[in-house]
Protein backbone atom coordinates (compact mmCIF):
# COMPACT_ATOMS: atom_id res chain seq x y z
CA MET A 1 -25.09 1.37 2.31
CA HIS A 2 -24.37 -1.33 4.20
CA GLY A 3 -21.02 -1.81 7.12
CA ASN A 4 -21.32 1.86 8.56
CA PRO A 5 -19.72 3.00 6.16
CA THR A 6 -18.58 6.77 6.10
CA HIS A 7 -17.75 8.65 3.10
CA SER A 8 -15.10 11.09 2.96
CA PRO A 9 -12.53 13.79 1.36
CA ALA A 10 -9.45 11.99 0.91
CA SER A 11 -6.74 12.93 2.11
CA GLN A 12 -4.15 15.86 1.75
CA SER A 13 -2.39 13.09 0.61
CA ARG A 14 -4.05 12.02 -1.91
CA SER A 15 -6.20 13.48 -5.12
CA PRO A 16 -8.80 15.43 -3.21
CA SER A 17 -11.26 13.26 -6.00
CA VAL A 18 -11.00 9.71 -4.72
CA TYR A 19 -13.85 8.64 -2.81
CA ARG A 20 -13.55 7.08 0.59
CA ALA A 21 -15.51 4.45 2.44
CA THR A 22 -15.02 2.62 5.32
CA HIS A 23 -15.66 -0.76 6.20
CA ASP A 24 -17.11 -2.05 10.09
CA PRO A 25 -15.98 -5.71 10.25
CA ASP A 26 -18.01 -5.91 13.61
CA SER A 27 -21.07 -5.39 11.16
CA SER A 28 -23.04 -7.53 9.61
CA ALA A 29 -22.59 -6.58 6.58
CA ARG A 30 -19.76 -8.58 4.00
CA LEU A 31 -16.71 -6.45 2.96
CA SER A 32 -17.98 -6.79 -0.69
CA THR A 33 -21.51 -5.18 -0.03
CA THR A 34 -19.90 -1.95 1.48
CA VAL A 35 -17.29 -2.08 -1.47
CA SER A 36 -20.29 -2.69 -3.89
CA HIS A 37 -22.26 -0.15 -2.81
CA ALA A 38 -19.71 2.38 -2.16
CA LEU A 39 -18.67 2.29 -5.95
CA ALA A 40 -22.21 2.43 -6.55
CA ASP A 41 -22.62 6.10 -4.71
CA CYS A 42 -19.35 7.22 -6.39
CA MET A 43 -20.87 6.11 -9.79
CA GLY A 44 -24.01 7.78 -8.75
CA THR A 45 -26.48 4.75 -9.57
CA ASP A 46 -28.23 2.11 -7.70
CA VAL A 47 -26.41 -1.07 -6.21
CA THR A 48 -29.44 -3.25 -7.07
CA ASP A 49 -29.98 -1.89 -11.00
CA GLY A 50 -26.75 -4.52 -11.81
CA TYR A 51 -24.53 -1.81 -13.14
CA VAL A 52 -22.21 -2.77 -10.31
CA SER A 53 -21.16 -5.66 -10.16
CA LEU A 54 -16.95 -7.32 -8.44
CA TYR A 55 -17.45 -10.51 -10.23
CA ASP A 56 -15.91 -8.54 -13.59
CA ALA A 57 -13.26 -7.83 -11.78
CA ILE A 58 -12.68 -10.48 -8.40
CA ASP A 59 -14.22 -12.60 -6.48
CA PRO A 60 -16.22 -11.16 -4.14
CA GLU A 61 -16.51 -14.36 -1.31
CA ALA A 62 -12.18 -14.50 -1.82
CA LEU A 63 -12.08 -10.50 -1.09
CA ASP A 64 -14.82 -10.80 2.02
CA ARG A 65 -12.32 -14.22 3.15
CA LEU A 66 -9.55 -12.10 2.46
CA PHE A 67 -10.22 -9.53 4.93
CA ARG A 68 -12.13 -11.17 7.90
CA PRO A 69 -10.59 -11.85 11.10
CA ARG A 70 -9.00 -14.34 12.81
CA HIS A 71 -10.22 -17.23 14.00
CA ASP A 72 -9.69 -15.59 17.13
CA GLY A 73 -11.46 -12.75 16.73
CA ARG A 74 -8.63 -10.55 16.12
CA GLN A 75 -8.53 -8.38 13.03
CA ARG A 76 -6.09 -8.44 10.68
CA SER A 77 -3.18 -6.30 10.38
CA GLY A 78 -1.56 -4.82 7.37
CA GLY A 79 -2.32 -5.36 3.61
CA SER A 80 -4.38 -4.27 0.21
CA LEU A 81 -6.16 -5.46 -2.58
CA ASP A 82 -6.36 -3.13 -5.75
CA PHE A 83 -8.47 -4.13 -8.46
CA THR A 84 -10.98 -2.11 -11.21
CA VAL A 85 -14.04 -2.06 -11.85
CA ARG A 86 -15.83 -0.27 -15.01
CA ASP A 87 -12.55 2.22 -14.99
CA HIS A 88 -12.75 3.16 -11.52
CA TYR A 89 -9.14 2.02 -9.44
CA VAL A 90 -10.63 0.18 -6.21
CA THR A 91 -8.05 -0.22 -3.38
CA VAL A 92 -9.50 -2.13 -0.49
CA SER A 93 -6.98 -2.15 3.07
CA SER A 94 -7.27 -4.60 5.38
CA ASP A 95 -8.67 -1.53 7.95
CA GLY A 96 -11.68 -1.72 6.39
CA GLU A 97 -10.72 1.98 4.39
CA ILE A 98 -12.12 1.76 0.52
CA LEU A 99 -11.16 4.22 -2.16
CA ILE A 100 -12.03 4.90 -5.17
CA GLU A 101 -10.48 7.05 -8.44
CA PRO A 102 -12.81 8.03 -11.18
CA PRO A 103 -11.05 6.99 -14.62
CA ALA A 104 -11.67 10.77 -15.41
CA ARG A 105 -9.91 11.74 -12.15
CA ARG A 106 -6.54 9.54 -12.77
């Protein structure tokens, strides 16, 4: 997976069934790529098979622009975006945290 993601069970404040990944904003990977890979991992599919497509829910380029560092290099602080892909509820936070809640677990 791109973006040096990490996967772990969700914190105690969230359901343990939530899939978690982290995007490294200092990596060469785009946030949308990390989200796509996290979704594919969560769904148990290969990202290259075309089953996971962010285009059905959001504009991947807009997602990348929304949370990219400021022009002076500082990271953006605060904010998140929620959307659904193939019935998986996705939350992307400005700090790089990606949470995916599968449909059977909601």
